[in-house]
Amino acid sequence: MEAIEINAGAWYLRALRADDRIDDRPALAAGGVTDPDHVARRNAQWDAETHFSWAVCDPVTAELAAEIGVTPAGDGTAVVDGWARPGYEPALDAGLAAVRRFAEGALGLRLEA
């Protein structure tokens, strides 16, 4: 499955990127994610449909404020989790609400509490 963008009001959610236009790796590092293969792995997980992840971004600068993921369990259920860079907790909260709606409505998953 290709990554799907989600509008979360004041924030927008998109696939993680590390290319000549947008590079999320510095913002990921500021959030404690320093694995150089993190972005490539997340994109491969979309392709394999084993984990769906989003960068929660500022709509003006496209800077990553948080990351949210959905991990399907294979039985129709999934776990949704995420983290935010310091000071960006409102972005995480807005993104989590939007991703939960997407996971249930578009992916048909039952979310574990």
N, C-alpha and C. Protein backbone atom coordinates (compact mmCIF):
# COMPACT_ATOMS: atom_id res chain seq x y z
N MET A 1 0.86 -1.17 0.00
CA MET A 1 0.00 0.00 0.00
C MET A 1 0.90 1.24 0.00
N GLU A 2 0.50 2.22 -0.76
CA GLU A 2 1.24 3.48 -0.75
C GLU A 2 0.80 4.31 0.45
N ALA A 3 1.71 5.11 0.96
CA ALA A 3 1.41 5.98 2.10
C ALA A 3 0.28 6.94 1.75
N ILE A 4 -0.57 7.19 2.74
CA ILE A 4 -1.73 8.06 2.56
C ILE A 4 -1.59 9.26 3.48
N GLU A 5 -1.78 10.45 2.92
CA GLU A 5 -1.74 11.66 3.73
C GLU A 5 -3.07 11.86 4.44
N ILE A 6 -3.00 12.45 5.63
CA ILE A 6 -4.18 12.69 6.44
C ILE A 6 -4.16 14.15 6.90
N ASN A 7 -5.30 14.82 6.81
CA ASN A 7 -5.44 16.16 7.34
C ASN A 7 -5.91 16.05 8.78
N ALA A 8 -5.18 16.68 9.69
CA ALA A 8 -5.55 16.66 11.11
C ALA A 8 -5.76 18.08 11.62
N GLY A 9 -6.50 18.87 10.87
CA GLY A 9 -6.78 20.25 11.29
C GLY A 9 -5.56 21.13 11.12
N ALA A 10 -4.97 21.55 12.22
CA ALA A 10 -3.81 22.45 12.18
C ALA A 10 -2.53 21.72 11.77
N TRP A 11 -2.58 20.41 11.63
CA TRP A 11 -1.41 19.60 11.29
C TRP A 11 -1.76 18.73 10.09
N TYR A 12 -0.73 18.34 9.35
CA TYR A 12 -0.99 17.36 8.31
C TYR A 12 -0.02 16.20 8.50
N LEU A 13 -0.47 15.04 8.10
CA LEU A 13 0.29 13.82 8.29
C LEU A 13 0.68 13.26 6.94
N ARG A 14 1.93 12.89 6.81
CA ARG A 14 2.45 12.36 5.56
C ARG A 14 3.48 11.28 5.88
N ALA A 15 3.91 10.57 4.86
CA ALA A 15 4.96 9.57 5.03
C ALA A 15 6.26 10.26 5.44
N LEU A 16 7.08 9.53 6.16
CA LEU A 16 8.41 10.04 6.48
C LEU A 16 9.21 10.19 5.20
N ARG A 17 10.09 11.20 5.17
CA ARG A 17 10.88 11.46 3.96
C ARG A 17 12.33 11.75 4.30
N ALA A 18 13.17 11.39 3.36
CA ALA A 18 14.60 11.74 3.41
C ALA A 18 15.06 11.83 1.97
N ASP A 19 14.75 12.95 1.34
CA ASP A 19 15.11 13.14 -0.06
C ASP A 19 15.63 14.56 -0.27
N ASP A 20 15.77 14.96 -1.52
CA ASP A 20 16.35 16.27 -1.80
C ASP A 20 15.39 17.42 -1.52
N ARG A 21 14.11 17.14 -1.27
CA ARG A 21 13.15 18.19 -0.96
C ARG A 21 12.85 18.30 0.53
N ILE A 22 12.66 17.16 1.20
CA ILE A 22 12.35 17.13 2.63
C ILE A 22 13.18 16.03 3.28
N ASP A 23 13.84 16.38 4.37
CA ASP A 23 14.64 15.40 5.10
C ASP A 23 14.20 15.42 6.56
N ASP A 24 13.49 14.39 6.96
CA ASP A 24 12.98 14.31 8.34
C ASP A 24 14.04 13.85 9.33
N ARG A 25 15.19 13.39 8.88
CA ARG A 25 16.18 12.83 9.79
C ARG A 25 16.65 13.78 10.88
N PRO A 26 16.88 15.07 10.63
CA PRO A 26 17.26 15.96 11.74
C PRO A 26 16.17 16.09 12.80
N ALA A 27 14.91 16.18 12.38
CA ALA A 27 13.81 16.27 13.34
C ALA A 27 13.64 14.94 14.08
N LEU A 28 13.83 13.83 13.39
CA LEU A 28 13.78 12.53 14.06
C LEU A 28 14.87 12.45 15.12
N ALA A 29 16.07 12.89 14.78
CA ALA A 29 17.18 12.87 15.74
C ALA A 29 16.87 13.75 16.95
N ALA A 30 16.22 14.89 16.72
CA ALA A 30 15.83 15.77 17.83
C ALA A 30 14.82 15.07 18.73
N GLY A 31 14.10 14.10 18.20
CA GLY A 31 13.15 13.32 18.98
C GLY A 31 13.74 12.04 19.53
N GLY A 32 15.03 11.83 19.28
CA GLY A 32 15.70 10.65 19.82
C GLY A 32 15.81 9.48 18.87
N VAL A 33 15.33 9.62 17.63
CA VAL A 33 15.41 8.54 16.64
C VAL A 33 16.62 8.80 15.76
N THR A 34 17.69 8.08 15.99
CA THR A 34 18.94 8.35 15.29
C THR A 34 19.34 7.26 14.29
N ASP A 35 18.54 6.23 14.14
CA ASP A 35 18.83 5.16 13.19
C ASP A 35 18.80 5.72 11.77
N PRO A 36 19.91 5.66 11.02
CA PRO A 36 19.91 6.23 9.67
C PRO A 36 18.98 5.53 8.69
N ASP A 37 18.55 4.31 9.01
CA ASP A 37 17.65 3.55 8.13
C ASP A 37 16.19 3.66 8.52
N HIS A 38 15.87 4.50 9.51
CA HIS A 38 14.50 4.59 10.03
C HIS A 38 13.50 4.96 8.93
N VAL A 39 13.81 5.97 8.14
CA VAL A 39 12.86 6.42 7.11
C VAL A 39 12.67 5.34 6.05
N ALA A 40 13.74 4.74 5.60
CA ALA A 40 13.64 3.68 4.59
C ALA A 40 12.85 2.49 5.12
N ARG A 41 13.08 2.13 6.38
CA ARG A 41 12.36 1.01 6.97
C ARG A 41 10.87 1.31 7.06
N ARG A 42 10.52 2.53 7.49
CA ARG A 42 9.10 2.90 7.58
C ARG A 42 8.44 2.85 6.22
N ASN A 43 9.12 3.30 5.18
CA ASN A 43 8.53 3.26 3.84
C ASN A 43 8.38 1.82 3.36
N ALA A 44 9.32 0.95 3.65
CA ALA A 44 9.21 -0.46 3.29
C ALA A 44 8.06 -1.12 4.05
N GLN A 45 7.83 -0.71 5.28
CA GLN A 45 6.72 -1.26 6.05
C GLN A 45 5.37 -0.89 5.45
N TRP A 46 5.25 0.31 4.89
CA TRP A 46 4.03 0.68 4.17
C TRP A 46 3.83 -0.30 3.02
N ASP A 47 4.89 -0.52 2.24
CA ASP A 47 4.79 -1.41 1.08
C ASP A 47 4.36 -2.82 1.49
N ALA A 48 4.89 -3.30 2.62
CA ALA A 48 4.58 -4.65 3.10
C ALA A 48 3.30 -4.70 3.93
N GLU A 49 2.75 -3.53 4.25
CA GLU A 49 1.54 -3.40 5.08
C GLU A 49 1.71 -4.03 6.46
N THR A 50 2.93 -3.91 7.00
CA THR A 50 3.21 -4.42 8.35
C THR A 50 3.19 -3.33 9.41
N HIS A 51 3.34 -2.08 9.00
CA HIS A 51 3.31 -0.93 9.91
C HIS A 51 3.05 0.30 9.05
N PHE A 52 2.12 1.12 9.50
CA PHE A 52 1.79 2.35 8.78
C PHE A 52 2.23 3.51 9.66
N SER A 53 3.04 4.42 9.12
CA SER A 53 3.55 5.51 9.95
C SER A 53 3.35 6.85 9.26
N TRP A 54 3.25 7.87 10.09
CA TRP A 54 3.07 9.23 9.59
C TRP A 54 3.97 10.19 10.34
N ALA A 55 4.48 11.15 9.60
CA ALA A 55 5.14 12.31 10.19
C ALA A 55 4.04 13.34 10.38
N VAL A 56 3.86 13.80 11.60
CA VAL A 56 2.90 14.87 11.90
C VAL A 56 3.66 16.17 11.68
N CYS A 57 3.19 16.97 10.73
CA CYS A 57 3.98 18.10 10.27
C CYS A 57 3.27 19.44 10.39
N ASP A 58 4.09 20.47 10.55
CA ASP A 58 3.63 21.84 10.47
C ASP A 58 3.26 22.10 9.01
N PRO A 59 2.06 22.60 8.72
CA PRO A 59 1.64 22.78 7.33
C PRO A 59 2.40 23.86 6.58
N VAL A 60 3.06 24.77 7.29
CA VAL A 60 3.79 25.84 6.62
C VAL A 60 5.22 25.42 6.31
N THR A 61 5.91 24.84 7.28
CA THR A 61 7.32 24.49 7.11
C THR A 61 7.55 23.03 6.70
N ALA A 62 6.55 22.18 6.85
CA ALA A 62 6.63 20.74 6.61
C ALA A 62 7.55 20.03 7.60
N GLU A 63 7.93 20.72 8.66
CA GLU A 63 8.83 20.13 9.66
C GLU A 63 8.09 19.10 10.51
N LEU A 64 8.74 17.96 10.73
CA LEU A 64 8.18 16.89 11.54
C LEU A 64 8.13 17.31 13.01
N ALA A 65 6.95 17.19 13.60
CA ALA A 65 6.76 17.50 15.02
C ALA A 65 6.58 16.23 15.83
N ALA A 66 6.05 15.18 15.19
CA ALA A 66 5.77 13.92 15.87
C ALA A 66 5.72 12.81 14.84
N GLU A 67 5.75 11.58 15.33
CA GLU A 67 5.59 10.41 14.47
C GLU A 67 4.53 9.51 15.10
N ILE A 68 3.64 8.99 14.24
CA ILE A 68 2.58 8.10 14.69
C ILE A 68 2.63 6.83 13.85
N GLY A 69 2.38 5.70 14.49
CA GLY A 69 2.38 4.45 13.77
C GLY A 69 1.20 3.57 14.13
N VAL A 70 0.77 2.76 13.17
CA VAL A 70 -0.26 1.75 13.35
C VAL A 70 0.37 0.41 13.01
N THR A 71 0.33 -0.51 13.97
CA THR A 71 0.88 -1.84 13.74
C THR A 71 -0.25 -2.87 13.77
N PRO A 72 -0.63 -3.40 12.60
CA PRO A 72 -1.67 -4.43 12.57
C PRO A 72 -1.16 -5.73 13.21
N ALA A 73 -2.05 -6.43 13.90
CA ALA A 73 -1.68 -7.67 14.57
C ALA A 73 -1.94 -8.89 13.70
N GLY A 74 -2.63 -8.73 12.59
CA GLY A 74 -2.92 -9.86 11.71
C GLY A 74 -4.27 -10.50 11.98
N ASP A 75 -4.93 -10.08 13.05
CA ASP A 75 -6.24 -10.65 13.40
C ASP A 75 -7.35 -9.61 13.32
N GLY A 76 -7.08 -8.51 12.60
CA GLY A 76 -8.07 -7.44 12.48
C GLY A 76 -7.93 -6.37 13.54
N THR A 77 -6.98 -6.54 14.45
CA THR A 77 -6.73 -5.52 15.47
C THR A 77 -5.42 -4.81 15.16
N ALA A 78 -5.19 -3.71 15.85
CA ALA A 78 -3.95 -2.96 15.66
C ALA A 78 -3.66 -2.14 16.89
N VAL A 79 -2.40 -1.78 17.02
CA VAL A 79 -1.94 -0.88 18.08
C VAL A 79 -1.53 0.44 17.42
N VAL A 80 -1.97 1.54 18.00
CA VAL A 80 -1.59 2.87 17.53
C VAL A 80 -0.72 3.50 18.61
N ASP A 81 0.42 4.01 18.21
CA ASP A 81 1.28 4.70 19.18
C ASP A 81 2.02 5.82 18.48
N GLY A 82 2.70 6.62 19.26
CA GLY A 82 3.44 7.73 18.69
C GLY A 82 4.27 8.44 19.73
N TRP A 83 5.04 9.37 19.26
CA TRP A 83 5.89 10.18 20.13
C TRP A 83 5.97 11.58 19.52
N ALA A 84 6.30 12.55 20.35
CA ALA A 84 6.41 13.94 19.88
C ALA A 84 7.75 14.52 20.31
N ARG A 85 8.26 15.40 19.50
CA ARG A 85 9.42 16.17 19.91
C ARG A 85 8.99 17.06 21.08
N PRO A 86 9.92 17.42 21.94
CA PRO A 86 9.55 18.27 23.08
C PRO A 86 8.83 19.54 22.63
N GLY A 87 7.69 19.80 23.28
CA GLY A 87 6.89 20.98 22.99
C GLY A 87 5.83 20.76 21.92
N TYR A 88 5.81 19.60 21.30
CA TYR A 88 4.86 19.33 20.22
C TYR A 88 3.78 18.32 20.60
N GLU A 89 3.50 18.20 21.87
CA GLU A 89 2.48 17.25 22.32
C GLU A 89 1.11 17.52 21.70
N PRO A 90 0.69 18.80 21.50
CA PRO A 90 -0.60 19.03 20.83
C PRO A 90 -0.65 18.45 19.41
N ALA A 91 0.46 18.47 18.70
CA ALA A 91 0.52 17.87 17.36
C ALA A 91 0.30 16.37 17.46
N LEU A 92 0.92 15.74 18.44
CA LEU A 92 0.75 14.31 18.64
C LEU A 92 -0.70 13.98 18.95
N ASP A 93 -1.31 14.72 19.84
CA ASP A 93 -2.71 14.47 20.22
C ASP A 93 -3.64 14.58 19.02
N ALA A 94 -3.47 15.64 18.23
CA ALA A 94 -4.32 15.83 17.04
C ALA A 94 -4.07 14.73 16.03
N GLY A 95 -2.82 14.37 15.84
CA GLY A 95 -2.48 13.32 14.89
C GLY A 95 -3.01 11.96 15.32
N LEU A 96 -2.91 11.65 16.60
CA LEU A 96 -3.41 10.36 17.09
C LEU A 96 -4.90 10.22 16.85
N ALA A 97 -5.65 11.27 17.10
CA ALA A 97 -7.10 11.22 16.87
C ALA A 97 -7.41 10.95 15.40
N ALA A 98 -6.70 11.63 14.50
CA ALA A 98 -6.94 11.45 13.07
C ALA A 98 -6.52 10.06 12.61
N VAL A 99 -5.40 9.57 13.10
CA VAL A 99 -4.93 8.24 12.70
C VAL A 99 -5.86 7.15 13.23
N ARG A 100 -6.36 7.32 14.43
CA ARG A 100 -7.30 6.32 14.96
C ARG A 100 -8.55 6.24 14.07
N ARG A 101 -9.07 7.40 13.67
CA ARG A 101 -10.24 7.40 12.78
C ARG A 101 -9.91 6.72 11.46
N PHE A 102 -8.73 7.00 10.91
CA PHE A 102 -8.31 6.41 9.65
C PHE A 102 -8.15 4.89 9.78
N ALA A 103 -7.51 4.45 10.84
CA ALA A 103 -7.26 3.02 11.04
C ALA A 103 -8.57 2.25 11.14
N GLU A 104 -9.53 2.82 11.85
CA GLU A 104 -10.82 2.14 12.00
C GLU A 104 -11.65 2.24 10.73
N GLY A 105 -11.76 3.44 10.18
CA GLY A 105 -12.64 3.66 9.03
C GLY A 105 -12.09 3.17 7.72
N ALA A 106 -10.87 3.55 7.39
CA ALA A 106 -10.31 3.21 6.08
C ALA A 106 -9.63 1.84 6.05
N LEU A 107 -8.98 1.47 7.15
CA LEU A 107 -8.28 0.18 7.18
C LEU A 107 -9.12 -0.93 7.79
N GLY A 108 -10.23 -0.56 8.44
CA GLY A 108 -11.11 -1.56 9.04
C GLY A 108 -10.52 -2.29 10.23
N LEU A 109 -9.61 -1.66 10.93
CA LEU A 109 -8.95 -2.29 12.08
C LEU A 109 -9.66 -1.95 13.38
N ARG A 110 -9.68 -2.89 14.30
CA ARG A 110 -10.15 -2.64 15.67
C ARG A 110 -8.93 -2.28 16.49
N LEU A 111 -8.99 -1.17 17.17
CA LEU A 111 -7.83 -0.68 17.91
C LEU A 111 -7.82 -1.23 19.32
N GLU A 112 -6.65 -1.70 19.73
CA GLU A 112 -6.46 -2.17 21.09
C GLU A 112 -6.29 -0.95 21.99
N ALA A 113 -6.85 -1.03 23.17
CA ALA A 113 -6.80 0.10 24.12
C ALA A 113 -5.41 0.32 24.67
